[in-house]
Protein backbone atom coordinates (compact mmCIF):
# COMPACT_ATOMS: atom_id res chain seq x y z
CA MET A 1 0.00 0.00 0.00
CA GLU A 2 1.09 3.59 -0.69
CA ASP A 3 0.93 4.50 2.99
CA ALA A 4 2.58 1.37 4.38
CA PHE A 5 5.92 1.67 6.16
CA GLU A 6 8.39 -0.91 7.41
CA LEU A 7 8.10 -2.22 10.97
CA GLY A 8 10.59 -4.25 12.97
CA PRO A 9 9.53 -7.07 15.29
CA PHE A 10 10.54 -5.80 18.77
CA ARG A 11 10.29 -2.86 21.18
CA PRO A 12 10.58 -2.55 24.99
CA PRO A 13 7.41 -2.89 27.09
CA SER A 14 7.78 0.76 28.11
CA GLU A 15 7.38 1.75 24.44
CA ALA A 16 4.00 0.03 23.98
CA PHE A 17 2.31 3.21 22.71
CA SER A 18 5.26 4.60 20.77
CA LEU A 19 5.35 5.06 17.02
CA LEU A 20 7.73 2.43 15.63
CA LEU A 21 10.20 3.52 12.93
CA ARG A 22 12.70 1.04 11.51
CA LEU A 23 16.14 2.62 10.98
CA THR A 24 18.12 -0.63 10.82
CA ARG A 25 17.17 -4.25 10.32
CA ASN A 26 17.96 -6.85 12.97
CA CYS A 27 21.11 -6.94 15.14
CA PRO A 28 24.70 -6.25 14.00
CA TRP A 29 26.12 -8.62 16.66
CA ASN A 30 23.43 -11.30 16.91
CA ARG A 31 25.60 -13.88 18.71
CA CYS A 32 24.35 -13.66 22.30
CA ARG A 33 23.62 -17.19 23.44
CA PHE A 34 20.66 -16.21 25.64
CA CYS A 35 18.84 -14.21 22.94
CA GLY A 36 16.73 -15.43 20.04
CA MET A 37 15.31 -12.11 18.91
CA TYR A 38 17.04 -11.81 15.53
CA LYS A 39 18.62 -15.23 15.02
CA GLY A 40 18.76 -16.26 11.36
CA GLN A 41 18.31 -12.67 10.17
CA ARG A 42 20.98 -10.56 8.47
CA PHE A 43 21.75 -7.08 9.76
CA GLU A 44 21.18 -4.24 7.32
CA LEU A 45 21.44 -0.46 7.42
CA ARG A 46 18.47 1.29 5.83
CA SER A 47 19.10 4.36 3.69
CA VAL A 48 18.21 7.80 4.96
CA GLU A 49 15.95 8.25 1.93
CA ASP A 50 13.99 5.06 2.70
CA ILE A 51 13.57 6.09 6.33
CA LYS A 52 12.35 9.55 5.30
CA GLN A 53 9.82 7.95 2.96
CA ASP A 54 8.53 5.90 5.91
CA ILE A 55 8.19 9.05 8.03
CA GLU A 56 6.24 10.69 5.20
CA ALA A 57 3.97 7.60 5.02
CA VAL A 58 3.32 7.95 8.76
CA ARG A 59 2.40 11.59 8.18
CA ARG A 60 -0.11 10.64 5.49
CA ILE A 61 -1.73 8.06 7.78
CA TYR A 62 -1.74 10.62 10.59
CA ASP A 63 -3.50 13.14 8.34
CA ARG A 64 -6.07 10.56 7.25
CA ILE A 65 -6.90 9.81 10.88
CA ILE A 66 -7.36 13.55 11.47
CA GLU A 67 -9.77 13.64 8.52
CA LEU A 68 -11.58 10.62 9.95
CA ALA A 69 -11.90 12.33 13.33
CA TRP A 70 -13.61 15.37 11.79
CA SER A 71 -15.79 13.40 9.37
CA SER A 72 -16.95 11.12 12.20
CA GLY A 73 -17.92 14.00 14.45
CA TYR A 74 -15.00 13.67 16.87
CA GLY A 75 -13.50 17.01 15.98
CA GLY A 76 -9.99 17.20 17.35
CA ARG A 77 -10.43 14.11 19.54
CA LEU A 78 -7.84 11.93 17.79
CA LYS A 79 -7.97 9.28 20.49
CA ASP A 80 -11.56 8.45 19.59
CA ALA A 81 -10.72 8.26 15.88
CA ALA A 82 -7.68 6.13 16.68
CA ARG A 83 -9.92 3.74 18.62
CA MET A 84 -11.98 3.26 15.44
CA ILE A 85 -8.81 2.42 13.50
CA LEU A 86 -7.71 -0.08 16.16
CA ASN A 87 -11.04 -1.90 15.95
CA LYS A 88 -10.50 -2.64 12.26
CA PRO A 89 -7.11 -1.49 10.96
CA PRO A 90 -6.51 -1.84 7.19
CA ASP A 91 -2.93 -3.00 7.83
CA GLN A 92 -0.17 -3.07 10.45
CA SER A 93 1.04 0.43 9.54
CA PHE A 94 -2.37 1.96 10.27
CA TYR A 95 -2.57 -0.09 13.45
CA ASN A 96 0.79 1.24 14.68
CA VAL A 97 -0.12 4.87 13.98
CA GLY A 98 -3.57 4.36 15.50
CA LEU A 99 -2.05 2.86 18.66
CA TRP A 100 0.45 5.71 18.78
CA LEU A 101 -2.28 8.35 18.61
CA TYR A 102 -4.42 6.43 21.10
CA GLY A 103 -1.48 6.66 23.52
CA GLY A 104 -1.04 10.39 23.00
CA GLY A 105 1.07 10.55 19.85
CA GLN A 106 4.17 11.97 21.51
CA ASN A 107 6.69 9.10 21.76
CA VAL A 108 8.70 7.42 18.99
CA PHE A 109 10.83 4.27 19.20
CA LEU A 110 13.57 3.69 16.60
CA GLN A 111 14.07 0.04 15.61
CA ASP A 112 15.85 -2.44 15.44
CA ALA A 113 18.58 -3.54 17.87
CA ASN A 114 21.21 -0.79 17.55
CA SER A 115 20.15 2.38 15.74
CA ILE A 116 23.16 4.37 16.95
CA ILE A 117 25.39 2.21 14.73
CA MET A 118 24.28 4.48 11.87
CA ARG A 119 26.74 7.16 10.79
CA THR A 120 26.19 10.02 13.17
CA HIS A 121 25.38 12.61 10.50
CA GLU A 122 22.82 10.25 8.92
CA LEU A 123 21.11 9.50 12.23
CA VAL A 124 21.03 13.23 13.00
CA GLU A 125 19.50 13.92 9.58
CA VAL A 126 16.76 11.36 10.27
CA LEU A 127 16.06 12.80 13.72
CA HIS A 128 15.81 16.34 12.34
CA PHE A 129 13.42 15.21 9.61
CA LEU A 130 11.27 13.34 12.14
CA LYS A 131 11.05 16.38 14.41
CA GLU A 132 10.26 18.65 11.47
CA THR A 133 7.50 16.30 10.31
CA PHE A 134 6.06 15.81 13.81
CA PRO A 135 6.99 18.84 15.96
CA GLU A 136 4.72 17.55 18.74
CA VAL A 137 6.97 14.52 19.39
CA ASN A 138 8.73 15.00 22.75
CA ARG A 139 10.45 11.65 23.33
CA ILE A 140 12.49 9.58 20.87
CA THR A 141 14.08 6.36 22.10
CA SER A 142 16.03 3.43 20.68
CA TYR A 143 17.91 0.23 21.50
CA GLY A 144 21.70 0.48 21.47
CA ARG A 145 24.85 -1.47 22.35
CA SER A 146 27.43 -0.41 24.93
CA LYS A 147 30.26 -1.17 22.51
CA THR A 148 28.78 1.09 19.86
CA ALA A 149 28.23 3.89 22.37
CA ALA A 150 31.82 3.47 23.57
CA LYS A 151 33.11 3.97 20.02
CA LYS A 152 31.12 7.17 19.51
CA THR A 153 32.75 10.36 20.71
CA LEU A 154 31.01 12.31 23.44
CA GLU A 155 30.53 15.11 20.92
CA GLU A 156 28.71 12.74 18.56
CA LEU A 157 26.36 11.56 21.30
CA VAL A 158 25.65 15.16 22.31
CA GLU A 159 24.85 15.97 18.66
CA ILE A 160 22.48 12.98 18.52
CA ARG A 161 20.79 14.11 21.73
CA GLU A 162 20.43 17.68 20.48
CA ALA A 163 18.87 16.33 17.28
CA GLY A 164 16.16 14.68 19.38
CA LEU A 165 17.19 11.26 20.75
CA SER A 166 15.90 11.24 24.33
CA ARG A 167 16.69 7.76 25.64
CA LEU A 168 18.73 4.65 24.87
CA HIS A 169 17.78 1.14 25.99
CA ILE A 170 20.97 -0.93 26.39
CA GLY A 171 21.20 -4.58 27.30
CA LEU A 172 23.88 -4.69 29.98
CA GLU A 173 22.73 -8.21 31.00
CA SER A 174 25.75 -8.69 33.31
CA GLY A 175 28.75 -6.81 34.66
CA SER A 176 30.80 -9.99 35.02
CA ASP A 177 33.42 -10.48 32.31
CA THR A 178 33.21 -14.22 32.90
CA VAL A 179 29.45 -14.29 32.27
CA LEU A 180 29.69 -11.89 29.32
CA LYS A 181 32.29 -14.13 27.66
CA LEU A 182 30.34 -17.34 28.33
CA MET A 183 27.24 -15.77 26.79
CA ASP A 184 29.17 -14.34 23.82
CA LYS A 185 27.82 -10.88 24.56
CA GLY A 186 30.60 -9.26 22.55
CA VAL A 187 31.36 -6.59 25.13
CA THR A 188 33.43 -6.30 28.31
CA ALA A 189 32.49 -4.80 31.65
CA ALA A 190 34.92 -1.94 30.95
CA GLU A 191 33.21 -1.24 27.61
CA HIS A 192 29.83 -1.31 29.35
CA ILE A 193 31.09 1.39 31.71
CA THR A 194 32.73 3.49 28.99
CA GLY A 195 29.70 3.37 26.70
CA GLY A 196 27.22 3.88 29.52
CA ARG A 197 29.11 6.81 31.00
CA LYS A 198 29.31 8.52 27.61
CA VAL A 199 25.56 8.19 27.13
CA VAL A 200 24.87 9.60 30.60
CA GLU A 201 27.34 12.47 30.11
CA SER A 202 25.76 13.33 26.75
CA GLY A 203 22.44 14.00 28.45
CA ILE A 204 20.65 11.04 26.85
CA SER A 205 18.51 9.15 29.35
CA LEU A 206 19.88 5.61 29.74
CA SER A 207 17.97 2.41 30.54
CA GLU A 208 20.26 -0.53 31.35
CA TYR A 209 18.79 -4.05 31.34
CA VAL A 210 19.91 -6.77 33.76
CA LEU A 211 19.16 -10.46 33.17
CA LEU A 212 18.65 -12.32 36.45
CA GLY A 213 19.90 -15.89 36.32
CA LEU A 214 22.42 -15.34 33.52
CA GLY A 215 25.30 -16.63 35.65
CA GLY A 216 23.50 -19.86 36.51
CA ARG A 217 24.18 -21.62 39.79
CA GLY A 218 27.93 -21.50 39.22
CA LEU A 219 28.34 -17.74 38.77
CA TRP A 220 25.26 -16.19 40.37
CA ARG A 221 27.19 -14.37 43.10
CA GLU A 222 29.80 -12.94 40.74
CA HIS A 223 27.03 -12.00 38.30
CA ALA A 224 25.13 -10.03 40.98
CA ILE A 225 28.11 -8.28 42.58
CA GLU A 226 29.87 -7.35 39.33
CA THR A 227 26.63 -6.18 37.74
CA ALA A 228 26.01 -3.90 40.73
CA ARG A 229 29.59 -2.58 40.42
CA VAL A 230 29.21 -1.75 36.72
CA LEU A 231 25.78 -0.17 37.16
CA SER A 232 27.05 1.92 40.06
CA ALA A 233 29.90 3.18 37.85
CA ILE A 234 27.49 4.06 35.02
CA ASN A 235 24.69 5.54 37.17
CA PRO A 236 21.99 5.13 34.49
CA SER A 237 18.58 6.79 34.64
CA PHE A 238 16.88 3.38 34.77
CA ILE A 239 17.85 -0.17 35.75
CA ARG A 240 15.34 -2.62 34.30
CA ILE A 241 15.19 -6.21 35.52
CA ARG A 242 14.53 -9.21 33.30
CA THR A 243 14.48 -12.93 34.19
CA LEU A 244 16.32 -15.57 32.16
CA SER A 245 14.09 -18.07 30.40
CA VAL A 246 15.72 -20.64 28.13
CA HIS A 247 13.68 -22.25 25.38
CA PRO A 248 14.95 -24.92 22.95
CA ALA A 249 15.54 -22.47 20.08
CA LEU A 250 18.22 -20.55 21.99
CA PRO A 251 21.94 -21.34 21.46
CA MET A 252 22.48 -21.76 25.21
CA TYR A 253 19.86 -24.50 25.40
CA ALA A 254 22.66 -26.91 24.46
CA ASP A 255 24.47 -25.86 27.66
CA LEU A 256 21.47 -26.99 29.69
CA GLU A 257 21.37 -30.26 27.80
CA ASP A 258 25.05 -31.09 28.44
CA GLY A 259 24.96 -29.83 32.04
CA SER A 260 27.55 -27.07 31.59
CA PHE A 261 24.92 -24.48 32.63
CA ILE A 262 22.54 -25.12 35.52
CA LEU A 263 19.53 -22.85 35.77
CA GLU A 264 18.76 -21.20 39.08
CA ASN A 265 15.30 -21.71 40.48
CA ASP A 266 13.09 -18.82 41.56
CA GLU A 267 14.26 -18.91 45.16
CA GLU A 268 17.90 -18.66 44.08
CA MET A 269 17.16 -15.79 41.71
CA VAL A 270 15.43 -13.90 44.51
CA GLU A 271 18.62 -14.23 46.57
CA GLU A 272 20.58 -13.01 43.54
CA LEU A 273 18.23 -10.03 43.28
CA ARG A 274 18.82 -9.26 46.95
CA LEU A 275 22.59 -9.28 46.48
CA LEU A 276 22.31 -7.03 43.43
CA VAL A 277 20.15 -4.46 45.22
CA GLU A 278 22.33 -4.51 48.34
CA ASN A 279 25.43 -3.67 46.32
CA LEU A 280 24.02 -0.91 44.12
CA ASP A 281 25.39 2.55 44.82
CA CYS A 282 23.72 4.85 42.29
CA ASP A 283 20.89 7.32 41.77
CA SER A 284 18.84 5.21 39.36
CA ASN A 285 15.19 4.26 39.01
CA PHE A 286 15.00 0.51 39.61
CA VAL A 287 12.18 -1.01 37.54
CA SER A 288 10.80 -4.56 37.35
CA ASP A 289 8.42 -4.18 34.41
CA HIS A 290 8.46 -7.56 32.72
CA ILE A 291 5.90 -10.35 32.89
CA ASN A 292 8.54 -13.00 33.71
CA ASN A 293 9.83 -11.26 36.85
CA LEU A 294 8.76 -12.96 40.06
CA LEU A 295 8.87 -9.91 42.35
CA GLN A 296 7.56 -7.00 40.32
CA GLY A 297 7.09 -5.06 43.53
CA VAL A 298 10.85 -4.62 43.88
CA GLU A 299 10.90 -1.13 42.39
CA GLY A 300 11.90 2.33 43.50
CA LYS A 301 14.30 5.25 43.31
CA LEU A 302 17.80 4.50 44.52
CA PRO A 303 19.19 5.06 47.04
CA ASP A 304 16.09 6.36 48.88
CA ASP A 305 13.92 3.27 48.31
CA LYS A 306 16.59 0.60 48.76
CA GLU A 307 15.34 -0.50 52.19
CA LYS A 308 11.76 -0.68 50.93
CA MET A 309 12.90 -2.84 47.99
CA LEU A 310 14.86 -5.14 50.27
CA ALA A 311 11.83 -5.38 52.56
CA THR A 312 9.74 -6.64 49.63
CA ILE A 313 12.33 -9.33 48.97
CA GLU A 314 12.35 -10.22 52.68
CA GLN A 315 8.56 -10.42 52.68
CA PHE A 316 8.74 -13.21 50.09
CA GLN A 317 11.71 -14.99 51.63
CA SER A 318 10.12 -15.05 55.10
CA LEU A 319 6.95 -16.78 53.89
CA PRO A 320 6.41 -20.43 54.83
CA LEU A 321 7.59 -22.85 52.14
CA GLU A 322 4.04 -23.70 51.05
CA GLU A 323 3.15 -20.03 50.61
CA ARG A 324 6.32 -19.28 48.61
CA HIS A 325 5.44 -22.20 46.41
CA ASN A 326 1.87 -20.97 46.00
CA PHE A 327 3.06 -17.47 45.10
CA ARG A 328 5.60 -18.71 42.54
CA ILE A 329 2.97 -20.77 40.74
CA GLY A 330 0.42 -17.95 41.00
CA ARG A 331 2.83 -15.43 39.49
CA ARG A 332 3.73 -17.71 36.59
CA ALA A 333 0.03 -18.38 35.98
CA ARG A 334 -0.54 -14.58 35.89
CA ILE A 335 -2.90 -14.69 38.87
CA TYR A 336 -0.76 -12.83 41.41
CA LEU A 337 1.08 -9.56 40.84
CA HIS A 338 2.42 -8.80 44.31
CA VAL A 339 3.11 -10.89 47.42
CA ASP A 340 0.16 -9.26 49.19
CA ASP A 341 -2.13 -10.96 46.66
CA LEU A 342 -1.67 -14.14 48.69
CA ASN A 343 -4.23 -12.63 51.06
CA ASP A 344 -6.91 -12.88 48.39
CA ALA A 345 -8.69 -16.12 49.35
CA ARG A 346 -10.27 -16.61 45.92
CA LYS A 347 -6.99 -16.23 44.05
CA HIS A 348 -5.23 -18.45 46.58
CA GLN A 349 -7.76 -21.22 46.04
CA VAL A 350 -7.42 -20.97 42.24
CA VAL A 351 -3.65 -21.37 42.55
CA GLU A 352 -4.06 -24.36 44.83
CA GLN A 353 -6.20 -25.98 42.15
CA ILE A 354 -3.48 -25.30 39.55
CA ILE A 355 -0.85 -26.84 41.82
CA GLU A 356 -3.00 -29.90 42.31
CA LYS A 357 -3.48 -30.25 38.57
CA LEU A 358 0.21 -29.76 37.70
CA GLY A 359 1.39 -31.99 40.50
CA ASP A 360 -0.28 -35.05 39.04
CA GLY A 361 2.72 -37.32 39.39
CA ASP A 362 4.41 -36.29 36.14
CA HIS A 363 6.72 -33.80 37.80
CA ASP A 364 9.47 -34.12 40.34
CA GLY A 365 9.41 -30.89 42.36
CA ASP A 366 7.86 -27.49 41.90
CA GLN A 367 10.51 -25.96 39.59
CA GLN A 368 9.33 -28.18 36.76
CA MET A 369 5.88 -26.64 37.23
CA ILE A 370 7.43 -23.19 36.99
CA ASP A 371 9.30 -24.14 33.82
CA ARG A 372 6.09 -25.36 32.21
CA LEU A 373 4.28 -22.14 33.05
CA LEU A 374 7.17 -20.04 31.73
CA GLU A 375 7.19 -21.70 28.31
CA GLY A 376 6.19 -19.26 25.61
CA TYR A 377 6.76 -16.13 27.70
CA PHE A 378 10.33 -15.32 26.59
CA VAL A 379 10.48 -11.64 25.61
CA PRO A 380 14.00 -10.43 26.49
CA LEU A 381 13.40 -6.69 26.40
């Protein structure tokens, strides 16, 4: 279609209502053993001209939705017109613009995995064109890699920020060089710090992602302590927690099969989370905004909320064994959100019924139940 534009497959949960614009295709590294997001896909840079044509297509769709709003009697109420589009979108491009306008029409996310790998002057040209086409946009974000940020000069990153890039989402995953090497992350702890510090110093808001469980049972302590050290050195705007889930399509699944990597269970990852939080010394917002995280209530502004966050972890760890088990199953079944939900008698009974059904003699221990409930929920970022 004339008004269609190219969309990539992924964006962070926090960008659910952002306009998606694809600047690059797939991931330039694409070797991380814990990630299946772009496996089998070749990385490509898109031309500035192609990206501008996509922005112009978005503008045409935007204008058509404005026309629809007036012709349908909504006047300037674009959210109501966008709701009509979402009920029956003609294609994915219209759906994305409709969702964007429904969410306020102010945020844009640049896809795919590492937009800042573009030549700086080309990325700046795209950002300027986007802002000229949509002056009302006030936040532009993207994924990035620490290694790429480390190779940019501070002046380049400042230029990118001044052109309009507001925030970078970077997958730190771990601050342990041992873990980073085992997972073929393609970056060192020192490069994480250099790249992260440059982003922070440029004035771009930085979200760093941590993957609980990535060290396995053998390296969990080093993973937690070194990750806290690196994050403290970077002092990002946001620290976002994710939980490792390994499905058969991932390269590291072979490590589980041969026994070289042993997954932590939920209880062990909670202890890892405790150690991470205890060792953080930074002024970051700590966020647990992913469906796979067991304790989504462990959130707050560091350092002020550290004790409150640790108290939430203690609340879970001090529960009787049966209640911890009930909560773990209830979280994975999407019935509980916070530990206090255990006090809901109806929800508690539903979870007990699930436990009874899963524990039908086919499983040896509760972690197998957890693994079954986690299948199909792997969304790394």
